[in-house]
């Protein structure tokens, strides 16, 4: 229970954040995106606002899962770690909301988006250490895990909640922040070029 709860929280955030990009496709199909893009604000601000909204929703769902886990017996390593965990939850949610936005900016149909999301989400989730420890894995799998940003997110939340880390919290924070900034640039560019 102690080991799995941080992984389940991260899984909840991942699915909600990634699939928030689907809203862009629906908004494009129903004409709502066109109405937003004619507003007298830069497209980048619209994209950041949508991404922050999707990330906030994902974090709230992660917090609900955390609260429900206390009912079934989960215990914190340190009460103040919950603040750090919520900060990491937001960073993970924002990162994957940006990724979903970047992909949705290039697609026009929901089926293609869902296909790509499932192709990305499932391997990222199962190769993140959410459900199994990272010690003693074959070298090839461990190498793949080290380039998976979700692995650092799972490790950060696990370290904050139960005090069990594979990487250092500084490494987790640094990797997540760098990838988030990179995706912010990429998704801003792709959203600015979106055709409605």
C-alpha atoms as a PDB file:
ATOM      1  CA  UNK A   1       0.000   0.000   0.000  1.00  0.00           C
ATOM      2  CA  UNK A   2       2.726   2.469   0.966  1.00  0.00           C
ATOM      3  CA  UNK A   3       4.634   1.794  -2.238  1.00  0.00           C
ATOM      4  CA  UNK A   4       1.652   1.754  -4.624  1.00  0.00           C
ATOM      5  CA  UNK A   5      -0.291   4.855  -3.520  1.00  0.00           C
ATOM      6  CA  UNK A   6       2.202   7.396  -4.982  1.00  0.00           C
ATOM      7  CA  UNK A   7       2.116   5.470  -8.274  1.00  0.00           C
ATOM      8  CA  UNK A   8      -1.687   5.476  -8.365  1.00  0.00           C
ATOM      9  CA  UNK A   9      -1.741   9.219  -7.614  1.00  0.00           C
ATOM     10  CA  UNK A  10       0.702   9.846 -10.462  1.00  0.00           C
ATOM     11  CA  UNK A  11      -1.328   7.622 -12.803  1.00  0.00           C
ATOM     12  CA  UNK A  12      -4.481   9.628 -12.033  1.00  0.00           C
ATOM     13  CA  UNK A  13      -2.690  12.904 -12.739  1.00  0.00           C
ATOM     14  CA  UNK A  14      -1.126  11.549 -15.936  1.00  0.00           C
ATOM     15  CA  UNK A  15      -4.408  10.416 -17.504  1.00  0.00           C
ATOM     16  CA  UNK A  16      -6.306  13.582 -16.602  1.00  0.00           C
ATOM     17  CA  UNK A  17      -3.501  15.894 -17.738  1.00  0.00           C
ATOM     18  CA  UNK A  18      -2.790  14.173 -21.046  1.00  0.00           C
ATOM     19  CA  UNK A  19      -6.415  13.854 -22.072  1.00  0.00           C
ATOM     20  CA  UNK A  20      -7.095  17.532 -21.332  1.00  0.00           C
ATOM     21  CA  UNK A  21      -5.572  18.133 -24.774  1.00  0.00           C
ATOM     22  CA  UNK A  22      -8.630  16.425 -26.229  1.00  0.00           C
ATOM     23  CA  UNK A  23     -10.635  19.549 -25.343  1.00  0.00           C
ATOM     24  CA  UNK A  24      -8.698  21.501 -27.978  1.00  0.00           C
ATOM     25  CA  UNK A  25      -9.835  19.079 -30.679  1.00  0.00           C
ATOM     26  CA  UNK A  26     -13.458  19.222 -29.521  1.00  0.00           C
ATOM     27  CA  UNK A  27     -13.320  23.022 -29.305  1.00  0.00           C
ATOM     28  CA  UNK A  28     -11.938  23.131 -32.843  1.00  0.00           C
ATOM     29  CA  UNK A  29     -14.677  20.854 -34.179  1.00  0.00           C
ATOM     30  CA  UNK A  30     -17.499  22.819 -32.532  1.00  0.00           C
ATOM     31  CA  UNK A  31     -16.105  26.268 -33.382  1.00  0.00           C
ATOM     32  CA  UNK A  32     -15.393  27.361 -29.809  1.00  0.00           C
ATOM     33  CA  UNK A  33     -11.636  27.510 -30.439  1.00  0.00           C
ATOM     34  CA  UNK A  34     -12.168  30.003 -33.259  1.00  0.00           C
ATOM     35  CA  UNK A  35     -14.090  32.247 -30.864  1.00  0.00           C
ATOM     36  CA  UNK A  36     -11.275  32.074 -28.306  1.00  0.00           C
ATOM     37  CA  UNK A  37      -8.555  32.801 -30.840  1.00  0.00           C
ATOM     38  CA  UNK A  38     -10.187  36.045 -31.999  1.00  0.00           C
ATOM     39  CA  UNK A  39      -9.882  37.452 -28.472  1.00  0.00           C
ATOM     40  CA  UNK A  40      -7.446  40.382 -28.228  1.00  0.00           C
ATOM     41  CA  UNK A  41      -4.839  38.356 -26.305  1.00  0.00           C
ATOM     42  CA  UNK A  42      -1.816  36.444 -27.586  1.00  0.00           C
ATOM     43  CA  UNK A  43      -2.386  32.786 -28.401  1.00  0.00           C
ATOM     44  CA  UNK A  44       0.368  31.856 -25.974  1.00  0.00           C
ATOM     45  CA  UNK A  45      -1.670  33.251 -23.074  1.00  0.00           C
ATOM     46  CA  UNK A  46      -4.707  31.244 -24.172  1.00  0.00           C
ATOM     47  CA  UNK A  47      -2.597  28.083 -24.345  1.00  0.00           C
ATOM     48  CA  UNK A  48      -1.012  28.688 -20.928  1.00  0.00           C
ATOM     49  CA  UNK A  49      -4.409  29.416 -19.377  1.00  0.00           C
ATOM     50  CA  UNK A  50      -5.901  26.216 -20.800  1.00  0.00           C
ATOM     51  CA  UNK A  51      -2.879  24.210 -19.660  1.00  0.00           C
ATOM     52  CA  UNK A  52      -2.988  25.645 -16.138  1.00  0.00           C
ATOM     53  CA  UNK A  53      -6.706  24.839 -15.966  1.00  0.00           C
ATOM     54  CA  UNK A  54      -6.115  21.243 -17.057  1.00  0.00           C
ATOM     55  CA  UNK A  55      -3.206  20.891 -14.623  1.00  0.00           C
ATOM     56  CA  UNK A  56      -5.292  22.242 -11.735  1.00  0.00           C
ATOM     57  CA  UNK A  57      -8.059  19.733 -12.437  1.00  0.00           C
ATOM     58  CA  UNK A  58      -5.513  16.903 -12.569  1.00  0.00           C
ATOM     59  CA  UNK A  59      -3.979  17.982  -9.239  1.00  0.00           C
ATOM     60  CA  UNK A  60      -7.397  18.076  -7.573  1.00  0.00           C
ATOM     61  CA  UNK A  61      -8.038  14.531  -8.753  1.00  0.00           C
ATOM     62  CA  UNK A  62      -4.639  13.483  -7.403  1.00  0.00           C
ATOM     63  CA  UNK A  63      -5.461  15.047  -4.036  1.00  0.00           C
ATOM     64  CA  UNK A  64      -8.790  13.185  -3.946  1.00  0.00           C
ATOM     65  CA  UNK A  65      -6.951   9.890  -4.539  1.00  0.00           C
ATOM     66  CA  UNK A  66      -4.483  10.802  -1.772  1.00  0.00           C
ATOM     67  CA  UNK A  67      -7.309  11.565   0.676  1.00  0.00           C
ATOM     68  CA  UNK A  68      -9.078   8.305  -0.201  1.00  0.00           C
ATOM     69  CA  UNK A  69      -5.830   6.396   0.363  1.00  0.00           C
ATOM     70  CA  UNK A  70      -5.800   7.501   4.020  1.00  0.00           C
ATOM     71  CA  UNK A  71      -9.119   5.672   4.474  1.00  0.00           C
ATOM     72  CA  UNK A  72      -7.610   2.381   3.295  1.00  0.00           C
ATOM     73  CA  UNK A  73      -4.527   2.645   5.510  1.00  0.00           C
ATOM     74  CA  UNK A  74      -1.923   4.798   3.745  1.00  0.00           C
ATOM     75  CA  UNK A  75       0.325   6.729   6.156  1.00  0.00           C
ATOM     76  CA  UNK A  76       2.618   9.686   5.498  1.00  0.00           C
ATOM     77  CA  UNK A  77       6.313   9.526   6.278  1.00  0.00           C
ATOM     78  CA  UNK A  78       6.275  13.202   7.239  1.00  0.00           C
ATOM     79  CA  UNK A  79       3.238  15.494   7.422  1.00  0.00           C
ATOM     80  CA  UNK A  80       5.097  18.399   5.756  1.00  0.00           C
ATOM     81  CA  UNK A  81       5.944  16.161   2.822  1.00  0.00           C
ATOM     82  CA  UNK A  82       2.373  16.587   1.624  1.00  0.00           C
ATOM     83  CA  UNK A  83       3.142  20.198   0.630  1.00  0.00           C
ATOM     84  CA  UNK A  84       6.127  19.053  -1.415  1.00  0.00           C
ATOM     85  CA  UNK A  85       4.010  16.262  -2.940  1.00  0.00           C
ATOM     86  CA  UNK A  86       1.321  18.723  -4.050  1.00  0.00           C
ATOM     87  CA  UNK A  87       4.002  20.927  -5.633  1.00  0.00           C
ATOM     88  CA  UNK A  88       5.351  17.928  -7.557  1.00  0.00           C
ATOM     89  CA  UNK A  89       1.798  16.933  -8.508  1.00  0.00           C
ATOM     90  CA  UNK A  90       1.291  20.332 -10.095  1.00  0.00           C
ATOM     91  CA  UNK A  91       4.620  20.171 -11.933  1.00  0.00           C
ATOM     92  CA  UNK A  92       3.788  16.708 -13.329  1.00  0.00           C
ATOM     93  CA  UNK A  93       0.257  17.786 -14.264  1.00  0.00           C
ATOM     94  CA  UNK A  94       1.481  20.931 -16.032  1.00  0.00           C
ATOM     95  CA  UNK A  95       4.168  18.984 -17.910  1.00  0.00           C
ATOM     96  CA  UNK A  96       1.739  16.398 -19.267  1.00  0.00           C
ATOM     97  CA  UNK A  97      -0.992  18.936 -19.968  1.00  0.00           C
ATOM     98  CA  UNK A  98       1.530  20.789 -22.133  1.00  0.00           C
ATOM     99  CA  UNK A  99       2.398  17.540 -23.893  1.00  0.00           C
ATOM    100  CA  UNK A 100      -1.285  16.831 -24.559  1.00  0.00           C
ATOM    101  CA  UNK A 101      -1.748  20.398 -25.834  1.00  0.00           C
ATOM    102  CA  UNK A 102       1.247  20.122 -28.168  1.00  0.00           C
ATOM    103  CA  UNK A 103      -0.058  16.891 -29.687  1.00  0.00           C
ATOM    104  CA  UNK A 104      -3.654  18.151 -29.953  1.00  0.00           C
ATOM    105  CA  UNK A 105      -2.448  21.292 -31.741  1.00  0.00           C
ATOM    106  CA  UNK A 106      -1.273  19.155 -34.655  1.00  0.00           C
ATOM    107  CA  UNK A 107      -4.293  16.843 -34.903  1.00  0.00           C
ATOM    108  CA  UNK A 108      -7.828  17.406 -36.124  1.00  0.00           C
ATOM    109  CA  UNK A 109      -9.724  14.301 -35.034  1.00  0.00           C
ATOM    110  CA  UNK A 110     -10.295  12.802 -31.588  1.00  0.00           C
ATOM    111  CA  UNK A 111      -9.614   9.219 -32.689  1.00  0.00           C
ATOM    112  CA  UNK A 112      -6.083  10.047 -33.787  1.00  0.00           C
ATOM    113  CA  UNK A 113      -5.436  11.880 -30.534  1.00  0.00           C
ATOM    114  CA  UNK A 114      -6.660   8.963 -28.420  1.00  0.00           C
ATOM    115  CA  UNK A 115      -4.545   6.521 -30.421  1.00  0.00           C
ATOM    116  CA  UNK A 116      -1.397   8.584 -29.912  1.00  0.00           C
ATOM    117  CA  UNK A 117      -2.175   9.151 -26.231  1.00  0.00           C
ATOM    118  CA  UNK A 118      -2.615   5.435 -25.555  1.00  0.00           C
ATOM    119  CA  UNK A 119       0.580   4.725 -27.493  1.00  0.00           C
ATOM    120  CA  UNK A 120       2.451   7.186 -25.229  1.00  0.00           C
ATOM    121  CA  UNK A 121       0.670   6.872 -21.885  1.00  0.00           C
ATOM    122  CA  UNK A 122       0.747   3.118 -21.300  1.00  0.00           C
ATOM    123  CA  UNK A 123       4.492   2.578 -21.913  1.00  0.00           C
ATOM    124  CA  UNK A 124       5.330   5.714 -19.913  1.00  0.00           C
ATOM    125  CA  UNK A 125       3.208   4.513 -17.013  1.00  0.00           C
ATOM    126  CA  UNK A 126       4.483   0.938 -16.927  1.00  0.00           C
ATOM    127  CA  UNK A 127       8.112   2.036 -17.362  1.00  0.00           C
ATOM    128  CA  UNK A 128       8.006   4.680 -14.613  1.00  0.00           C
ATOM    129  CA  UNK A 129       8.393   2.624 -11.461  1.00  0.00           C
ATOM    130  CA  UNK A 130       4.812   3.409 -10.432  1.00  0.00           C
ATOM    131  CA  UNK A 131       4.043  -0.255  -9.744  1.00  0.00           C
ATOM    132  CA  UNK A 132       7.454  -1.850  -9.177  1.00  0.00           C
ATOM    133  CA  UNK A 133      10.790  -0.813  -7.623  1.00  0.00           C
ATOM    134  CA  UNK A 134      13.568   0.358  -9.931  1.00  0.00           C
ATOM    135  CA  UNK A 135      16.286  -1.690  -8.257  1.00  0.00           C
ATOM    136  CA  UNK A 136      17.531  -4.862  -9.937  1.00  0.00           C
ATOM    137  CA  UNK A 137      16.040  -4.220 -13.382  1.00  0.00           C
ATOM    138  CA  UNK A 138      17.765  -5.252 -16.626  1.00  0.00           C
ATOM    139  CA  UNK A 139      20.072  -2.563 -17.949  1.00  0.00           C
ATOM    140  CA  UNK A 140      18.024  -1.897 -21.108  1.00  0.00           C
ATOM    141  CA  UNK A 141      14.812  -1.311 -19.159  1.00  0.00           C
ATOM    142  CA  UNK A 142      16.601   0.840 -16.588  1.00  0.00           C
ATOM    143  CA  UNK A 143      18.020   2.994 -19.411  1.00  0.00           C
ATOM    144  CA  UNK A 144      14.523   3.492 -20.839  1.00  0.00           C
ATOM    145  CA  UNK A 145      13.228   4.408 -17.391  1.00  0.00           C
ATOM    146  CA  UNK A 146      15.931   7.048 -16.978  1.00  0.00           C
ATOM    147  CA  UNK A 147      14.707   8.916 -20.098  1.00  0.00           C
ATOM    148  CA  UNK A 148      11.050   8.673 -19.025  1.00  0.00           C
ATOM    149  CA  UNK A 149      10.001  11.949 -17.329  1.00  0.00           C
ATOM    150  CA  UNK A 150       7.170  10.194 -15.494  1.00  0.00           C
ATOM    151  CA  UNK A 151       9.736   8.066 -13.606  1.00  0.00           C
ATOM    152  CA  UNK A 152      11.066  11.241 -11.980  1.00  0.00           C
ATOM    153  CA  UNK A 153       7.536  12.351 -11.144  1.00  0.00           C
ATOM    154  CA  UNK A 154       6.644   9.051  -9.482  1.00  0.00           C
ATOM    155  CA  UNK A 155       9.924   9.076  -7.570  1.00  0.00           C
ATOM    156  CA  UNK A 156       9.387  12.685  -6.433  1.00  0.00           C
ATOM    157  CA  UNK A 157       5.892  12.003  -5.087  1.00  0.00           C
ATOM    158  CA  UNK A 158       7.006   8.743  -3.468  1.00  0.00           C
ATOM    159  CA  UNK A 159       9.931  10.525  -1.830  1.00  0.00           C
ATOM    160  CA  UNK A 160       7.717  13.340  -0.545  1.00  0.00           C
ATOM    161  CA  UNK A 161       5.000  11.053   0.831  1.00  0.00           C
ATOM    162  CA  UNK A 162       6.865   8.022   2.185  1.00  0.00           C
ATOM    163  CA  UNK A 163      10.536   9.099   2.142  1.00  0.00           C
ATOM    164  CA  UNK A 164      11.600   6.459  -0.403  1.00  0.00           C
ATOM    165  CA  UNK A 165      13.663   7.790  -3.308  1.00  0.00           C
ATOM    166  CA  UNK A 166      15.566   6.168  -6.121  1.00  0.00           C
ATOM    167  CA  UNK A 167      16.826   9.508  -7.483  1.00  0.00           C
ATOM    168  CA  UNK A 168      17.412  12.575  -5.319  1.00  0.00           C
ATOM    169  CA  UNK A 169      14.579  15.089  -4.962  1.00  0.00           C
ATOM    170  CA  UNK A 170      16.843  17.728  -6.518  1.00  0.00           C
ATOM    171  CA  UNK A 171      17.340  15.498  -9.578  1.00  0.00           C
ATOM    172  CA  UNK A 172      13.593  14.874  -9.796  1.00  0.00           C
ATOM    173  CA  UNK A 173      12.804  18.581  -9.568  1.00  0.00           C
ATOM    174  CA  UNK A 174      15.513  19.570 -12.054  1.00  0.00           C
ATOM    175  CA  UNK A 175      14.505  17.023 -14.709  1.00  0.00           C
ATOM    176  CA  UNK A 176      10.781  17.805 -14.399  1.00  0.00           C
ATOM    177  CA  UNK A 177      11.393  21.556 -14.537  1.00  0.00           C
ATOM    178  CA  UNK A 178      13.675  21.386 -17.594  1.00  0.00           C
ATOM    179  CA  UNK A 179      11.252  19.165 -19.511  1.00  0.00           C
ATOM    180  CA  UNK A 180       8.301  21.377 -18.520  1.00  0.00           C
ATOM    181  CA  UNK A 181      10.078  24.501 -19.788  1.00  0.00           C
ATOM    182  CA  UNK A 182      11.002  22.727 -23.023  1.00  0.00           C
ATOM    183  CA  UNK A 183       7.403  21.573 -23.551  1.00  0.00           C
ATOM    184  CA  UNK A 184       6.128  25.061 -22.721  1.00  0.00           C
ATOM    185  CA  UNK A 185       8.195  26.417 -25.600  1.00  0.00           C
ATOM    186  CA  UNK A 186       7.185  23.625 -28.007  1.00  0.00           C
ATOM    187  CA  UNK A 187       3.477  23.701 -27.190  1.00  0.00           C
ATOM    188  CA  UNK A 188       3.405  27.516 -27.340  1.00  0.00           C
ATOM    189  CA  UNK A 189       4.899  27.396 -30.824  1.00  0.00           C
ATOM    190  CA  UNK A 190       2.566  24.637 -32.049  1.00  0.00           C
ATOM    191  CA  UNK A 191      -0.539  26.281 -30.559  1.00  0.00           C
ATOM    192  CA  UNK A 192       0.396  29.606 -32.153  1.00  0.00           C
ATOM    193  CA  UNK A 193       0.422  27.881 -35.566  1.00  0.00           C
ATOM    194  CA  UNK A 194      -2.918  26.095 -35.069  1.00  0.00           C
ATOM    195  CA  UNK A 195      -5.376  26.315 -37.943  1.00  0.00           C
ATOM    196  CA  UNK A 196      -9.124  26.513 -37.227  1.00  0.00           C
END
